[in-house]
Protein backbone atom coordinates (compact mmCIF):
# COMPACT_ATOMS: atom_id res chain seq x y z
CA UNK A 1 0.00 0.00 0.00
CA UNK A 2 1.35 3.42 -0.99
CA UNK A 3 1.46 6.14 1.64
CA UNK A 4 -0.51 9.32 1.01
CA UNK A 5 0.50 12.67 2.46
CA UNK A 6 -2.34 15.15 2.73
CA UNK A 7 -1.12 18.76 2.63
CA UNK A 8 -3.17 21.73 3.77
CA UNK A 9 -2.66 24.57 1.28
CA UNK A 10 -3.88 28.17 1.26
CA UNK A 11 -1.52 29.83 -1.21
CA UNK A 12 0.81 31.29 1.44
CA UNK A 13 4.56 30.79 1.57
CA UNK A 14 4.06 28.69 4.72
CA UNK A 15 1.69 26.33 2.97
CA UNK A 16 4.02 26.09 -0.02
CA UNK A 17 6.81 25.04 2.36
CA UNK A 18 4.47 22.33 3.66
CA UNK A 19 3.91 21.14 0.07
CA UNK A 20 7.67 21.13 -0.56
CA UNK A 21 8.29 19.20 2.66
CA UNK A 22 5.73 16.54 1.74
CA UNK A 23 7.02 16.37 -1.84
CA UNK A 24 10.61 15.81 -0.72
CA UNK A 25 9.52 12.90 1.45
CA UNK A 26 7.24 11.53 -1.25
CA UNK A 27 10.08 11.57 -3.79
CA UNK A 28 12.17 9.42 -1.44
CA UNK A 29 9.43 7.01 -0.40
CA UNK A 30 7.19 6.86 -3.46
CA UNK A 31 4.25 8.25 -1.50
CA UNK A 32 1.40 10.17 -3.07
CA UNK A 33 0.71 13.82 -2.23
CA UNK A 34 -2.79 15.27 -2.10
CA UNK A 35 -2.88 19.06 -1.82
CA UNK A 36 -6.06 20.27 -0.11
CA UNK A 37 -7.40 23.81 -0.22
CA UNK A 38 -10.40 24.46 2.00
CA UNK A 39 -12.46 27.57 1.54
CA UNK A 40 -14.04 28.38 4.87
CA UNK A 41 -17.79 28.40 4.30
CA UNK A 42 -20.73 28.38 6.63
CA UNK A 43 -23.86 26.63 5.39
CA UNK A 44 -25.96 28.44 7.96
CA UNK A 45 -27.99 31.58 7.57
CA UNK A 46 -31.40 32.77 6.62
CA UNK A 47 -31.63 33.63 2.95
CA UNK A 48 -34.28 34.19 0.35
CA UNK A 49 -34.35 31.80 -2.62
CA UNK A 50 -32.66 34.49 -4.72
CA UNK A 51 -29.91 34.95 -2.14
CA UNK A 52 -29.37 31.19 -1.98
CA UNK A 53 -29.04 30.99 -5.76
CA UNK A 54 -26.50 33.84 -5.75
CA UNK A 55 -24.63 32.24 -2.85
CA UNK A 56 -24.44 28.92 -4.72
CA UNK A 57 -23.12 30.71 -7.82
CA UNK A 58 -20.43 32.49 -5.74
CA UNK A 59 -19.49 29.18 -4.13
CA UNK A 60 -18.97 27.52 -7.51
CA UNK A 61 -16.93 30.49 -8.75
CA UNK A 62 -14.74 30.33 -5.64
CA UNK A 63 -14.14 26.62 -6.18
CA UNK A 64 -13.06 27.30 -9.78
CA UNK A 65 -10.67 30.09 -8.72
CA UNK A 66 -9.22 27.98 -5.92
CA UNK A 67 -8.72 25.05 -8.29
CA UNK A 68 -6.83 27.36 -10.64
CA UNK A 69 -4.63 28.44 -7.71
CA UNK A 70 -3.80 24.84 -6.77
CA UNK A 71 -3.21 23.52 -10.31
CA UNK A 72 0.27 25.06 -10.79
CA UNK A 73 1.37 23.40 -7.55
CA UNK A 74 0.12 20.03 -8.80
CA UNK A 75 1.83 20.62 -12.15
CA UNK A 76 5.15 21.36 -10.36
CA UNK A 77 4.86 18.21 -8.27
CA UNK A 78 4.01 16.07 -11.28
CA UNK A 79 6.99 17.47 -13.22
CA UNK A 80 9.18 16.52 -10.24
CA UNK A 81 7.89 12.94 -10.49
CA UNK A 82 5.52 13.04 -7.53
CA UNK A 83 2.15 11.33 -7.82
CA UNK A 84 0.06 14.40 -6.94
CA UNK A 85 -3.61 15.26 -6.79
CA UNK A 86 -5.74 17.99 -5.26
CA UNK A 87 -9.02 18.56 -3.46
CA UNK A 88 -10.76 21.92 -3.21
CA UNK A 89 -13.78 22.10 -0.95
CA UNK A 90 -15.92 24.51 1.03
CA UNK A 91 -16.37 24.00 4.75
CA UNK A 92 -14.50 23.86 8.02
CA UNK A 93 -10.78 23.25 7.38
CA UNK A 94 -10.23 21.02 10.41
CA UNK A 95 -13.27 18.88 9.73
CA UNK A 96 -12.55 18.54 6.02
CA UNK A 97 -8.84 17.75 6.40
CA UNK A 98 -9.76 14.96 8.81
CA UNK A 99 -12.55 13.73 6.53
CA UNK A 100 -10.35 13.75 3.42
CA UNK A 101 -7.53 12.04 5.33
CA UNK A 102 -9.94 9.24 6.16
CA UNK A 103 -11.40 9.08 2.62
CA UNK A 104 -7.95 8.84 1.04
CA UNK A 105 -6.47 6.58 3.74
CA UNK A 106 -3.77 9.21 4.25
CA UNK A 107 -0.85 8.27 6.45
CA UNK A 108 -0.21 11.82 7.61
CA UNK A 109 -1.37 15.41 7.32
CA UNK A 110 1.24 18.08 6.61
CA UNK A 111 0.44 21.70 7.34
CA UNK A 112 2.28 25.00 7.68
CA UNK A 113 2.53 26.41 11.18
CA UNK A 114 1.10 29.85 10.39
CA UNK A 115 -0.09 31.94 7.50
CA UNK A 116 1.41 35.17 6.22
CA UNK A 117 -1.39 37.50 7.32
CA UNK A 118 -2.66 38.17 10.83
CA UNK A 119 -6.02 36.63 9.94
CA UNK A 120 -4.37 33.58 8.42
CA UNK A 121 -2.17 33.19 11.49
CA UNK A 122 -5.23 33.13 13.71
CA UNK A 123 -7.07 30.70 11.44
CA UNK A 124 -4.12 28.40 10.85
CA UNK A 125 -3.05 28.58 14.47
CA UNK A 126 -6.49 27.32 15.40
CA UNK A 127 -6.32 24.75 12.62
CA UNK A 128 -2.98 23.40 13.82
CA UNK A 129 -4.33 23.01 17.35
CA UNK A 130 -7.51 21.37 16.06
CA UNK A 131 -5.63 18.89 13.90
CA UNK A 132 -3.20 18.04 16.71
CA UNK A 133 -6.20 17.10 18.83
CA UNK A 134 -8.58 15.36 16.42
CA UNK A 135 -6.73 14.24 13.28
CA UNK A 136 -7.15 10.54 12.49
CA UNK A 137 -3.47 10.34 11.41
CA UNK A 138 -0.21 11.95 12.55
CA UNK A 139 0.16 15.66 11.81
CA UNK A 140 3.45 17.20 10.68
CA UNK A 141 3.69 20.95 11.30
CA UNK A 142 6.18 22.68 9.02
CA UNK A 143 7.71 25.93 10.33
C-alpha atoms as a PDB file:
ATOM      1  CA  UNK A   1       0.000   0.000   0.000  1.00  0.00           C
ATOM      2  CA  UNK A   2       1.347   3.418  -0.986  1.00  0.00           C
ATOM      3  CA  UNK A   3       1.460   6.143   1.645  1.00  0.00           C
ATOM      4  CA  UNK A   4      -0.507   9.323   1.009  1.00  0.00           C
ATOM      5  CA  UNK A   5       0.504  12.674   2.465  1.00  0.00           C
ATOM      6  CA  UNK A   6      -2.342  15.154   2.734  1.00  0.00           C
ATOM      7  CA  UNK A   7      -1.122  18.755   2.626  1.00  0.00           C
ATOM      8  CA  UNK A   8      -3.166  21.734   3.769  1.00  0.00           C
ATOM      9  CA  UNK A   9      -2.659  24.571   1.283  1.00  0.00           C
ATOM     10  CA  UNK A  10      -3.881  28.167   1.260  1.00  0.00           C
ATOM     11  CA  UNK A  11      -1.521  29.829  -1.207  1.00  0.00           C
ATOM     12  CA  UNK A  12       0.809  31.292   1.438  1.00  0.00           C
ATOM     13  CA  UNK A  13       4.560  30.788   1.574  1.00  0.00           C
ATOM     14  CA  UNK A  14       4.059  28.695   4.721  1.00  0.00           C
ATOM     15  CA  UNK A  15       1.688  26.332   2.973  1.00  0.00           C
ATOM     16  CA  UNK A  16       4.024  26.091  -0.019  1.00  0.00           C
ATOM     17  CA  UNK A  17       6.812  25.039   2.361  1.00  0.00           C
ATOM     18  CA  UNK A  18       4.475  22.331   3.659  1.00  0.00           C
ATOM     19  CA  UNK A  19       3.914  21.144   0.074  1.00  0.00           C
ATOM     20  CA  UNK A  20       7.671  21.131  -0.565  1.00  0.00           C
ATOM     21  CA  UNK A  21       8.286  19.202   2.660  1.00  0.00           C
ATOM     22  CA  UNK A  22       5.732  16.544   1.741  1.00  0.00           C
ATOM     23  CA  UNK A  23       7.017  16.367  -1.841  1.00  0.00           C
ATOM     24  CA  UNK A  24      10.610  15.813  -0.715  1.00  0.00           C
ATOM     25  CA  UNK A  25       9.520  12.897   1.453  1.00  0.00           C
ATOM     26  CA  UNK A  26       7.239  11.530  -1.255  1.00  0.00           C
ATOM     27  CA  UNK A  27      10.080  11.570  -3.791  1.00  0.00           C
ATOM     28  CA  UNK A  28      12.171   9.415  -1.438  1.00  0.00           C
ATOM     29  CA  UNK A  29       9.435   7.008  -0.398  1.00  0.00           C
ATOM     30  CA  UNK A  30       7.187   6.857  -3.464  1.00  0.00           C
ATOM     31  CA  UNK A  31       4.250   8.246  -1.498  1.00  0.00           C
ATOM     32  CA  UNK A  32       1.398  10.165  -3.073  1.00  0.00           C
ATOM     33  CA  UNK A  33       0.713  13.816  -2.231  1.00  0.00           C
ATOM     34  CA  UNK A  34      -2.789  15.267  -2.101  1.00  0.00           C
ATOM     35  CA  UNK A  35      -2.883  19.058  -1.824  1.00  0.00           C
ATOM     36  CA  UNK A  36      -6.057  20.267  -0.109  1.00  0.00           C
ATOM     37  CA  UNK A  37      -7.397  23.808  -0.220  1.00  0.00           C
ATOM     38  CA  UNK A  38     -10.404  24.462   2.004  1.00  0.00           C
ATOM     39  CA  UNK A  39     -12.460  27.575   1.535  1.00  0.00           C
ATOM     40  CA  UNK A  40     -14.044  28.377   4.867  1.00  0.00           C
ATOM     41  CA  UNK A  41     -17.787  28.396   4.301  1.00  0.00           C
ATOM     42  CA  UNK A  42     -20.727  28.376   6.634  1.00  0.00           C
ATOM     43  CA  UNK A  43     -23.855  26.631   5.391  1.00  0.00           C
ATOM     44  CA  UNK A  44     -25.958  28.443   7.961  1.00  0.00           C
ATOM     45  CA  UNK A  45     -27.993  31.581   7.566  1.00  0.00           C
ATOM     46  CA  UNK A  46     -31.398  32.774   6.618  1.00  0.00           C
ATOM     47  CA  UNK A  47     -31.629  33.630   2.950  1.00  0.00           C
ATOM     48  CA  UNK A  48     -34.283  34.185   0.346  1.00  0.00           C
ATOM     49  CA  UNK A  49     -34.348  31.797  -2.618  1.00  0.00           C
ATOM     50  CA  UNK A  50     -32.661  34.488  -4.723  1.00  0.00           C
ATOM     51  CA  UNK A  51     -29.906  34.950  -2.139  1.00  0.00           C
ATOM     52  CA  UNK A  52     -29.373  31.187  -1.977  1.00  0.00           C
ATOM     53  CA  UNK A  53     -29.045  30.986  -5.763  1.00  0.00           C
ATOM     54  CA  UNK A  54     -26.497  33.840  -5.750  1.00  0.00           C
ATOM     55  CA  UNK A  55     -24.625  32.243  -2.853  1.00  0.00           C
ATOM     56  CA  UNK A  56     -24.441  28.924  -4.716  1.00  0.00           C
ATOM     57  CA  UNK A  57     -23.120  30.707  -7.815  1.00  0.00           C
ATOM     58  CA  UNK A  58     -20.428  32.490  -5.740  1.00  0.00           C
ATOM     59  CA  UNK A  59     -19.493  29.179  -4.131  1.00  0.00           C
ATOM     60  CA  UNK A  60     -18.967  27.517  -7.506  1.00  0.00           C
ATOM     61  CA  UNK A  61     -16.927  30.489  -8.754  1.00  0.00           C
ATOM     62  CA  UNK A  62     -14.736  30.329  -5.638  1.00  0.00           C
ATOM     63  CA  UNK A  63     -14.139  26.622  -6.178  1.00  0.00           C
ATOM     64  CA  UNK A  64     -13.060  27.303  -9.777  1.00  0.00           C
ATOM     65  CA  UNK A  65     -10.673  30.095  -8.717  1.00  0.00           C
ATOM     66  CA  UNK A  66      -9.224  27.982  -5.921  1.00  0.00           C
ATOM     67  CA  UNK A  67      -8.724  25.052  -8.289  1.00  0.00           C
ATOM     68  CA  UNK A  68      -6.827  27.358 -10.642  1.00  0.00           C
ATOM     69  CA  UNK A  69      -4.632  28.440  -7.713  1.00  0.00           C
ATOM     70  CA  UNK A  70      -3.797  24.842  -6.773  1.00  0.00           C
ATOM     71  CA  UNK A  71      -3.207  23.519 -10.308  1.00  0.00           C
ATOM     72  CA  UNK A  72       0.274  25.062 -10.792  1.00  0.00           C
ATOM     73  CA  UNK A  73       1.366  23.397  -7.546  1.00  0.00           C
ATOM     74  CA  UNK A  74       0.116  20.028  -8.797  1.00  0.00           C
ATOM     75  CA  UNK A  75       1.833  20.624 -12.147  1.00  0.00           C
ATOM     76  CA  UNK A  76       5.146  21.358 -10.363  1.00  0.00           C
ATOM     77  CA  UNK A  77       4.858  18.207  -8.269  1.00  0.00           C
ATOM     78  CA  UNK A  78       4.011  16.074 -11.282  1.00  0.00           C
ATOM     79  CA  UNK A  79       6.988  17.472 -13.219  1.00  0.00           C
ATOM     80  CA  UNK A  80       9.179  16.518 -10.242  1.00  0.00           C
ATOM     81  CA  UNK A  81       7.893  12.944 -10.494  1.00  0.00           C
ATOM     82  CA  UNK A  82       5.523  13.040  -7.528  1.00  0.00           C
ATOM     83  CA  UNK A  83       2.148  11.329  -7.820  1.00  0.00           C
ATOM     84  CA  UNK A  84       0.063  14.401  -6.942  1.00  0.00           C
ATOM     85  CA  UNK A  85      -3.614  15.264  -6.788  1.00  0.00           C
ATOM     86  CA  UNK A  86      -5.744  17.994  -5.260  1.00  0.00           C
ATOM     87  CA  UNK A  87      -9.018  18.562  -3.456  1.00  0.00           C
ATOM     88  CA  UNK A  88     -10.758  21.920  -3.205  1.00  0.00           C
ATOM     89  CA  UNK A  89     -13.776  22.097  -0.948  1.00  0.00           C
ATOM     90  CA  UNK A  90     -15.921  24.511   1.033  1.00  0.00           C
ATOM     91  CA  UNK A  91     -16.369  24.000   4.748  1.00  0.00           C
ATOM     92  CA  UNK A  92     -14.496  23.858   8.015  1.00  0.00           C
ATOM     93  CA  UNK A  93     -10.782  23.248   7.382  1.00  0.00           C
ATOM     94  CA  UNK A  94     -10.227  21.023  10.413  1.00  0.00           C
ATOM     95  CA  UNK A  95     -13.275  18.879   9.731  1.00  0.00           C
ATOM     96  CA  UNK A  96     -12.546  18.544   6.019  1.00  0.00           C
ATOM     97  CA  UNK A  97      -8.839  17.754   6.399  1.00  0.00           C
ATOM     98  CA  UNK A  98      -9.756  14.961   8.809  1.00  0.00           C
ATOM     99  CA  UNK A  99     -12.548  13.735   6.531  1.00  0.00           C
ATOM    100  CA  UNK A 100     -10.347  13.752   3.419  1.00  0.00           C
ATOM    101  CA  UNK A 101      -7.528  12.037   5.326  1.00  0.00           C
ATOM    102  CA  UNK A 102      -9.940   9.235   6.160  1.00  0.00           C
ATOM    103  CA  UNK A 103     -11.401   9.084   2.625  1.00  0.00           C
ATOM    104  CA  UNK A 104      -7.951   8.837   1.043  1.00  0.00           C
ATOM    105  CA  UNK A 105      -6.467   6.583   3.740  1.00  0.00           C
ATOM    106  CA  UNK A 106      -3.773   9.210   4.255  1.00  0.00           C
ATOM    107  CA  UNK A 107      -0.845   8.266   6.448  1.00  0.00           C
ATOM    108  CA  UNK A 108      -0.206  11.818   7.614  1.00  0.00           C
ATOM    109  CA  UNK A 109      -1.370  15.407   7.320  1.00  0.00           C
ATOM    110  CA  UNK A 110       1.238  18.075   6.613  1.00  0.00           C
ATOM    111  CA  UNK A 111       0.443  21.702   7.345  1.00  0.00           C
ATOM    112  CA  UNK A 112       2.282  24.995   7.679  1.00  0.00           C
ATOM    113  CA  UNK A 113       2.531  26.414  11.178  1.00  0.00           C
ATOM    114  CA  UNK A 114       1.097  29.853  10.388  1.00  0.00           C
ATOM    115  CA  UNK A 115      -0.091  31.942   7.498  1.00  0.00           C
ATOM    116  CA  UNK A 116       1.413  35.175   6.219  1.00  0.00           C
ATOM    117  CA  UNK A 117      -1.393  37.495   7.319  1.00  0.00           C
ATOM    118  CA  UNK A 118      -2.659  38.173  10.830  1.00  0.00           C
ATOM    119  CA  UNK A 119      -6.017  36.631   9.938  1.00  0.00           C
ATOM    120  CA  UNK A 120      -4.371  33.576   8.417  1.00  0.00           C
ATOM    121  CA  UNK A 121      -2.169  33.191  11.486  1.00  0.00           C
ATOM    122  CA  UNK A 122      -5.230  33.129  13.710  1.00  0.00           C
ATOM    123  CA  UNK A 123      -7.069  30.699  11.436  1.00  0.00           C
ATOM    124  CA  UNK A 124      -4.122  28.405  10.850  1.00  0.00           C
ATOM    125  CA  UNK A 125      -3.047  28.579  14.468  1.00  0.00           C
ATOM    126  CA  UNK A 126      -6.491  27.315  15.400  1.00  0.00           C
ATOM    127  CA  UNK A 127      -6.322  24.747  12.622  1.00  0.00           C
ATOM    128  CA  UNK A 128      -2.983  23.404  13.819  1.00  0.00           C
ATOM    129  CA  UNK A 129      -4.328  23.009  17.348  1.00  0.00           C
ATOM    130  CA  UNK A 130      -7.512  21.371  16.064  1.00  0.00           C
ATOM    131  CA  UNK A 131      -5.626  18.889  13.899  1.00  0.00           C
ATOM    132  CA  UNK A 132      -3.203  18.039  16.708  1.00  0.00           C
ATOM    133  CA  UNK A 133      -6.204  17.103  18.832  1.00  0.00           C
ATOM    134  CA  UNK A 134      -8.576  15.364  16.417  1.00  0.00           C
ATOM    135  CA  UNK A 135      -6.729  14.240  13.280  1.00  0.00           C
ATOM    136  CA  UNK A 136      -7.149  10.536  12.491  1.00  0.00           C
ATOM    137  CA  UNK A 137      -3.473  10.341  11.413  1.00  0.00           C
ATOM    138  CA  UNK A 138      -0.207  11.945  12.555  1.00  0.00           C
ATOM    139  CA  UNK A 139       0.159  15.661  11.808  1.00  0.00           C
ATOM    140  CA  UNK A 140       3.445  17.204  10.680  1.00  0.00           C
ATOM    141  CA  UNK A 141       3.692  20.949  11.297  1.00  0.00           C
ATOM    142  CA  UNK A 142       6.184  22.685   9.018  1.00  0.00           C
ATOM    143  CA  UNK A 143       7.712  25.928  10.332  1.00  0.00           C
END
